Amino acid sequence: MTPPPLLVLTDRSQCSRPLRDVVAAAVDAGARGVVLREKDLPDDERTRLADDFLALLEPVDGLLIRAGRAGAGGDDAVHLASQEPFPPRRPALVGRSCHSAAELARARDEGCDYAFLSPIFSTPSKPGYGPVLGVEGFARLVAGAPPTWALGGVRPEHVPALTATGAAGVAVMGPVMRDPGLVSNYLSVLG
């Protein structure tokens, strides 16, 4: 199982309409991978959201990845925070958020299937995760890492340079949460 080149991360605080509607519009625009964050919600609400998103993604052979609480409920695909422990029961797909060479090496050594590397550019969504890496920093850090998605301030015009330096894809949150129609702009440059 491999994530698609565009992964949409959820953040209901950035939505101008209900999160389910935003994700539905993103899937309609071509998104085939969604990372359900919303870690602050109670488990039952997150489960309902996951069920809603699965109903949207299954007809298009899409992928739902759940962030946090890895392995809870037998999830097939999970995304771990940089310091979150690896799940005791390995899901079919495991990814990890990384912000440095050391964190990418950890993801590789523990057998993660993919990683996010951030912040590539400045972003209001995730302040305080260190200096921006830029395209050159991304290229320098991904050698020997698991397949890596660029995250943080990535706009469609950045995608060709990032994929040319080894990005397996891009992960986008804020822009798509505010305007899910932008999915088509990202997909047009991802090929």
C-alpha atoms as a PDB file:
ATOM      1  CA  MET A   1       0.000   0.000   0.000  1.00  0.00           C
ATOM      2  CA  THR A   2       1.443   3.335  -1.072  1.00  0.00           C
ATOM      3  CA  PRO A   3      -0.065   6.745  -0.366  1.00  0.00           C
ATOM      4  CA  PRO A   4      -1.060   8.805  -3.406  1.00  0.00           C
ATOM      5  CA  PRO A   5       1.205  11.737  -4.342  1.00  0.00           C
ATOM      6  CA  LEU A   6      -1.239  14.276  -2.873  1.00  0.00           C
ATOM      7  CA  LEU A   7      -2.284  13.804   0.729  1.00  0.00           C
ATOM      8  CA  VAL A   8      -4.894  16.138   2.225  1.00  0.00           C
ATOM      9  CA  LEU A   9      -4.599  16.684   5.980  1.00  0.00           C
ATOM     10  CA  THR A  10      -7.724  17.698   7.862  1.00  0.00           C
ATOM     11  CA  ASP A  11      -8.043  20.700  10.151  1.00  0.00           C
ATOM     12  CA  ARG A  12     -11.611  21.709  10.862  1.00  0.00           C
ATOM     13  CA  SER A  13     -10.447  24.978  12.463  1.00  0.00           C
ATOM     14  CA  GLN A  14      -9.450  26.235   9.008  1.00  0.00           C
ATOM     15  CA  CYS A  15     -12.692  25.260   7.267  1.00  0.00           C
ATOM     16  CA  SER A  16     -15.350  27.790   6.304  1.00  0.00           C
ATOM     17  CA  ARG A  17     -17.942  24.975   6.168  1.00  0.00           C
ATOM     18  CA  PRO A  18     -18.317  21.566   7.848  1.00  0.00           C
ATOM     19  CA  LEU A  19     -15.227  19.367   7.572  1.00  0.00           C
ATOM     20  CA  ARG A  20     -17.132  16.508   5.946  1.00  0.00           C
ATOM     21  CA  ASP A  21     -18.266  18.892   3.177  1.00  0.00           C
ATOM     22  CA  VAL A  22     -14.703  20.110   2.625  1.00  0.00           C
ATOM     23  CA  VAL A  23     -13.350  16.560   2.392  1.00  0.00           C
ATOM     24  CA  ALA A  24     -16.185  15.574   0.024  1.00  0.00           C
ATOM     25  CA  ALA A  25     -15.333  18.526  -2.229  1.00  0.00           C
ATOM     26  CA  ALA A  26     -11.620  17.626  -2.126  1.00  0.00           C
ATOM     27  CA  VAL A  27     -12.412  14.030  -3.119  1.00  0.00           C
ATOM     28  CA  ASP A  28     -14.700  15.311  -5.890  1.00  0.00           C
ATOM     29  CA  ALA A  29     -11.775  17.456  -7.099  1.00  0.00           C
ATOM     30  CA  GLY A  30      -9.545  14.363  -7.266  1.00  0.00           C
ATOM     31  CA  ALA A  31      -8.002  13.848  -3.821  1.00  0.00           C
ATOM     32  CA  ARG A  32      -7.409  10.145  -3.177  1.00  0.00           C
ATOM     33  CA  GLY A  33      -5.621  10.326   0.159  1.00  0.00           C
ATOM     34  CA  VAL A  34      -6.881  11.950   3.359  1.00  0.00           C
ATOM     35  CA  VAL A  35      -5.098  12.106   6.701  1.00  0.00           C
ATOM     36  CA  LEU A  36      -7.649  12.442   9.484  1.00  0.00           C
ATOM     37  CA  ARG A  37      -6.061  14.597  12.198  1.00  0.00           C
ATOM     38  CA  GLU A  38      -8.620  16.147  14.597  1.00  0.00           C
ATOM     39  CA  LYS A  39      -6.785  14.459  17.476  1.00  0.00           C
ATOM     40  CA  ASP A  40      -8.580  16.630  20.027  1.00  0.00           C
ATOM     41  CA  LEU A  41     -11.961  15.044  19.293  1.00  0.00           C
ATOM     42  CA  PRO A  42     -13.323  12.245  21.470  1.00  0.00           C
ATOM     43  CA  ASP A  43     -12.796   8.778  20.004  1.00  0.00           C
ATOM     44  CA  ASP A  44     -16.458   8.303  19.070  1.00  0.00           C
ATOM     45  CA  GLU A  45     -16.538  11.567  17.074  1.00  0.00           C
ATOM     46  CA  ARG A  46     -13.264  10.699  15.324  1.00  0.00           C
ATOM     47  CA  THR A  47     -14.661   7.276  14.479  1.00  0.00           C
ATOM     48  CA  ARG A  48     -17.773   8.850  12.965  1.00  0.00           C
ATOM     49  CA  LEU A  49     -15.610  11.195  10.895  1.00  0.00           C
ATOM     50  CA  ALA A  50     -13.431   8.279   9.798  1.00  0.00           C
ATOM     51  CA  ASP A  51     -16.523   6.329   8.734  1.00  0.00           C
ATOM     52  CA  ASP A  52     -17.794   9.349   6.776  1.00  0.00           C
ATOM     53  CA  PHE A  53     -14.440   9.801   5.051  1.00  0.00           C
ATOM     54  CA  LEU A  54     -14.158   6.091   4.248  1.00  0.00           C
ATOM     55  CA  ALA A  55     -17.594   6.265   2.617  1.00  0.00           C
ATOM     56  CA  LEU A  56     -16.296   9.110   0.427  1.00  0.00           C
ATOM     57  CA  LEU A  57     -12.971   7.467  -0.400  1.00  0.00           C
ATOM     58  CA  GLU A  58     -13.918   3.823  -0.969  1.00  0.00           C
ATOM     59  CA  PRO A  59     -15.830   4.419  -4.225  1.00  0.00           C
ATOM     60  CA  VAL A  60     -12.741   6.087  -5.732  1.00  0.00           C
ATOM     61  CA  ASP A  61     -10.224   3.585  -4.284  1.00  0.00           C
ATOM     62  CA  GLY A  62      -8.952   6.303  -1.958  1.00  0.00           C
ATOM     63  CA  LEU A  63      -6.958   5.930   1.231  1.00  0.00           C
ATOM     64  CA  LEU A  64      -7.797   7.128   4.734  1.00  0.00           C
ATOM     65  CA  ILE A  65      -4.855   7.503   7.116  1.00  0.00           C
ATOM     66  CA  ARG A  66      -5.579   8.204  10.776  1.00  0.00           C
ATOM     67  CA  ALA A  67      -3.170  10.430  12.670  1.00  0.00           C
ATOM     68  CA  GLY A  68      -2.367   9.722  16.290  1.00  0.00           C
ATOM     69  CA  ARG A  69      -3.455   6.978  18.639  1.00  0.00           C
ATOM     70  CA  ALA A  70      -1.755   4.507  16.337  1.00  0.00           C
ATOM     71  CA  GLY A  71      -3.220   1.077  16.180  1.00  0.00           C
ATOM     72  CA  ALA A  72      -6.373   2.012  18.057  1.00  0.00           C
ATOM     73  CA  GLY A  73      -9.299   0.177  16.596  1.00  0.00           C
ATOM     74  CA  GLY A  74      -7.191  -1.856  14.192  1.00  0.00           C
ATOM     75  CA  ASP A  75      -6.573   0.969  11.718  1.00  0.00           C
ATOM     76  CA  ASP A  76      -4.984  -0.157   8.462  1.00  0.00           C
ATOM     77  CA  ALA A  77      -3.117   3.113   7.913  1.00  0.00           C
ATOM     78  CA  VAL A  78      -1.764   5.394  10.626  1.00  0.00           C
ATOM     79  CA  HIS A  79       0.352   8.519  10.759  1.00  0.00           C
ATOM     80  CA  LEU A  80       2.562   9.067  13.798  1.00  0.00           C
ATOM     81  CA  ALA A  81       3.748  12.353  15.271  1.00  0.00           C
ATOM     82  CA  SER A  82       7.519  12.767  15.400  1.00  0.00           C
ATOM     83  CA  GLN A  83       7.826  11.454  18.973  1.00  0.00           C
ATOM     84  CA  GLU A  84       4.847   9.100  19.087  1.00  0.00           C
ATOM     85  CA  PRO A  85       5.756   5.454  19.795  1.00  0.00           C
ATOM     86  CA  PHE A  86       5.569   2.927  17.006  1.00  0.00           C
ATOM     87  CA  PRO A  87       2.387   0.836  17.374  1.00  0.00           C
ATOM     88  CA  PRO A  88       2.766  -2.594  19.010  1.00  0.00           C
ATOM     89  CA  ARG A  89       0.661  -4.154  16.249  1.00  0.00           C
ATOM     90  CA  ARG A  90       1.986  -2.977  12.907  1.00  0.00           C
ATOM     91  CA  PRO A  91      -0.715  -1.554  10.628  1.00  0.00           C
ATOM     92  CA  ALA A  92      -0.501  -2.164   6.878  1.00  0.00           C
ATOM     93  CA  LEU A  93       0.766   1.407   6.354  1.00  0.00           C
ATOM     94  CA  VAL A  94       2.716   3.528   8.839  1.00  0.00           C
ATOM     95  CA  GLY A  95       3.984   7.062   8.318  1.00  0.00           C
ATOM     96  CA  ARG A  96       5.702   9.563  10.580  1.00  0.00           C
ATOM     97  CA  SER A  97       6.029  13.345  10.766  1.00  0.00           C
ATOM     98  CA  CYS A  98       9.670  14.427  10.677  1.00  0.00           C
ATOM     99  CA  HIS A  99      11.482  17.742  11.002  1.00  0.00           C
ATOM    100  CA  SER A 100      15.165  16.713  10.863  1.00  0.00           C
ATOM    101  CA  ALA A 101      17.634  14.191   9.492  1.00  0.00           C
ATOM    102  CA  ALA A 102      17.598  12.346  12.827  1.00  0.00           C
ATOM    103  CA  GLU A 103      13.815  11.971  12.750  1.00  0.00           C
ATOM    104  CA  LEU A 104      13.908  10.752   9.136  1.00  0.00           C
ATOM    105  CA  ALA A 105      16.567   8.186  10.123  1.00  0.00           C
ATOM    106  CA  ARG A 106      14.354   7.018  12.976  1.00  0.00           C
ATOM    107  CA  ALA A 107      11.415   6.610  10.586  1.00  0.00           C
ATOM    108  CA  ARG A 108      13.611   4.576   8.235  1.00  0.00           C
ATOM    109  CA  ASP A 109      15.100   2.426  11.003  1.00  0.00           C
ATOM    110  CA  GLU A 110      11.752   1.558  12.579  1.00  0.00           C
ATOM    111  CA  GLY A 111      10.315   0.562   9.202  1.00  0.00           C
ATOM    112  CA  CYS A 112       7.940   3.418   8.402  1.00  0.00           C
ATOM    113  CA  ASP A 113       6.495   3.148   4.918  1.00  0.00           C
ATOM    114  CA  TYR A 114       6.599   6.906   4.350  1.00  0.00           C
ATOM    115  CA  ALA A 115       7.396  10.186   6.083  1.00  0.00           C
ATOM    116  CA  PHE A 116       6.335  13.813   6.049  1.00  0.00           C
ATOM    117  CA  LEU A 117       9.145  16.352   6.193  1.00  0.00           C
ATOM    118  CA  SER A 118       8.307  19.870   7.344  1.00  0.00           C
ATOM    119  CA  PRO A 119       8.281  22.785   7.345  1.00  0.00           C
ATOM    120  CA  ILE A 120       9.355  23.256   3.750  1.00  0.00           C
ATOM    121  CA  PHE A 121       8.088  26.840   3.622  1.00  0.00           C
ATOM    122  CA  SER A 122       6.640  29.216   6.175  1.00  0.00           C
ATOM    123  CA  THR A 123       3.147  28.297   7.268  1.00  0.00           C
ATOM    124  CA  PRO A 124       0.755  29.763   9.820  1.00  0.00           C
ATOM    125  CA  SER A 125      -0.576  26.263  10.601  1.00  0.00           C
ATOM    126  CA  LYS A 126       2.597  24.962  12.248  1.00  0.00           C
ATOM    127  CA  PRO A 127       4.722  27.746  13.712  1.00  0.00           C
ATOM    128  CA  GLY A 128       7.624  26.738  15.926  1.00  0.00           C
ATOM    129  CA  TYR A 129       8.772  23.588  14.141  1.00  0.00           C
ATOM    130  CA  GLY A 130      12.155  25.049  13.320  1.00  0.00           C
ATOM    131  CA  PRO A 131      13.489  27.039  10.411  1.00  0.00           C
ATOM    132  CA  VAL A 132      11.996  26.410   6.999  1.00  0.00           C
ATOM    133  CA  LEU A 133      13.930  23.876   4.948  1.00  0.00           C
ATOM    134  CA  GLY A 134      13.194  25.121   1.453  1.00  0.00           C
ATOM    135  CA  VAL A 135      13.649  22.926  -1.601  1.00  0.00           C
ATOM    136  CA  GLU A 136      17.411  22.626  -1.030  1.00  0.00           C
ATOM    137  CA  GLY A 137      16.991  21.543   2.582  1.00  0.00           C
ATOM    138  CA  PHE A 138      14.372  19.004   1.573  1.00  0.00           C
ATOM    139  CA  ALA A 139      16.696  17.561  -1.084  1.00  0.00           C
ATOM    140  CA  ARG A 140      19.586  17.356   1.377  1.00  0.00           C
ATOM    141  CA  LEU A 141      17.585  15.505   4.046  1.00  0.00           C
ATOM    142  CA  VAL A 142      15.617  12.928   2.043  1.00  0.00           C
ATOM    143  CA  ALA A 143      18.562  10.868   0.806  1.00  0.00           C
ATOM    144  CA  GLY A 144      18.190   7.428   2.396  1.00  0.00           C
ATOM    145  CA  ALA A 145      14.819   8.275   3.990  1.00  0.00           C
ATOM    146  CA  PRO A 146      11.582   6.396   3.385  1.00  0.00           C
ATOM    147  CA  PRO A 147       9.461   7.871   0.571  1.00  0.00           C
ATOM    148  CA  THR A 148       8.908  11.427   1.776  1.00  0.00           C
ATOM    149  CA  TRP A 149       6.071  13.902   1.272  1.00  0.00           C
ATOM    150  CA  ALA A 150       6.833  17.634   1.536  1.00  0.00           C
ATOM    151  CA  LEU A 151       4.628  19.498   4.028  1.00  0.00           C
ATOM    152  CA  GLY A 152       4.345  23.064   5.199  1.00  0.00           C
ATOM    153  CA  GLY A 153       3.505  26.036   3.042  1.00  0.00           C
ATOM    154  CA  VAL A 154       3.730  24.004  -0.174  1.00  0.00           C
ATOM    155  CA  ARG A 155       1.859  25.666  -3.024  1.00  0.00           C
ATOM    156  CA  PRO A 156       1.259  24.180  -6.478  1.00  0.00           C
ATOM    157  CA  GLU A 157       4.095  26.199  -8.000  1.00  0.00           C
ATOM    158  CA  HIS A 158       6.575  24.558  -5.572  1.00  0.00           C
ATOM    159  CA  VAL A 159       5.645  21.000  -6.521  1.00  0.00           C
ATOM    160  CA  PRO A 160       7.819  20.514  -9.637  1.00  0.00           C
ATOM    161  CA  ALA A 161      11.002  21.552  -7.798  1.00  0.00           C
ATOM    162  CA  LEU A 162      10.160  19.325  -4.843  1.00  0.00           C
ATOM    163  CA  THR A 163       9.409  16.242  -6.923  1.00  0.00           C
ATOM    164  CA  ALA A 164      12.589  16.863  -8.939  1.00  0.00           C
ATOM    165  CA  THR A 165      14.587  16.668  -5.692  1.00  0.00           C
ATOM    166  CA  GLY A 166      13.022  13.405  -4.538  1.00  0.00           C
ATOM    167  CA  ALA A 167       9.650  14.192  -2.972  1.00  0.00           C
ATOM    168  CA  ALA A 168       7.282  11.250  -3.318  1.00  0.00           C
ATOM    169  CA  GLY A 169       4.479  13.790  -3.108  1.00  0.00           C
ATOM    170  CA  VAL A 170       3.093  16.693  -1.130  1.00  0.00           C
ATOM    171  CA  ALA A 171       0.878  16.901   1.912  1.00  0.00           C
ATOM    172  CA  VAL A 172      -1.411  19.927   2.113  1.00  0.00           C
ATOM    173  CA  MET A 173      -3.650  21.171   4.888  1.00  0.00           C
ATOM    174  CA  GLY A 174      -4.579  24.855   5.112  1.00  0.00           C
ATOM    175  CA  PRO A 175      -5.007  25.760   1.446  1.00  0.00           C
ATOM    176  CA  VAL A 176      -7.291  22.777   0.768  1.00  0.00           C
ATOM    177  CA  MET A 177      -9.223  23.178   4.021  1.00  0.00           C
ATOM    178  CA  ARG A 178      -9.980  26.765   2.968  1.00  0.00           C
ATOM    179  CA  ASP A 179     -10.573  25.945  -0.728  1.00  0.00           C
ATOM    180  CA  PRO A 180     -10.911  22.243  -1.605  1.00  0.00           C
ATOM    181  CA  GLY A 181     -11.046  23.123  -5.305  1.00  0.00           C
ATOM    182  CA  LEU A 182      -7.281  23.722  -5.109  1.00  0.00           C
ATOM    183  CA  VAL A 183      -6.823  19.951  -5.173  1.00  0.00           C
ATOM    184  CA  SER A 184      -7.016  20.069  -8.972  1.00  0.00           C
ATOM    185  CA  ASN A 185      -4.186  22.664  -9.067  1.00  0.00           C
ATOM    186  CA  TYR A 186      -1.912  20.353  -7.049  1.00  0.00           C
ATOM    187  CA  LEU A 187      -2.839  17.310  -9.091  1.00  0.00           C
ATOM    188  CA  SER A 188      -2.171  19.104 -12.383  1.00  0.00           C
ATOM    189  CA  VAL A 189       1.479  19.639 -11.400  1.00  0.00           C
ATOM    190  CA  LEU A 190       1.913  16.231  -9.763  1.00  0.00           C
ATOM    191  CA  GLY A 191       1.177  14.571 -13.089  1.00  0.00           C
END
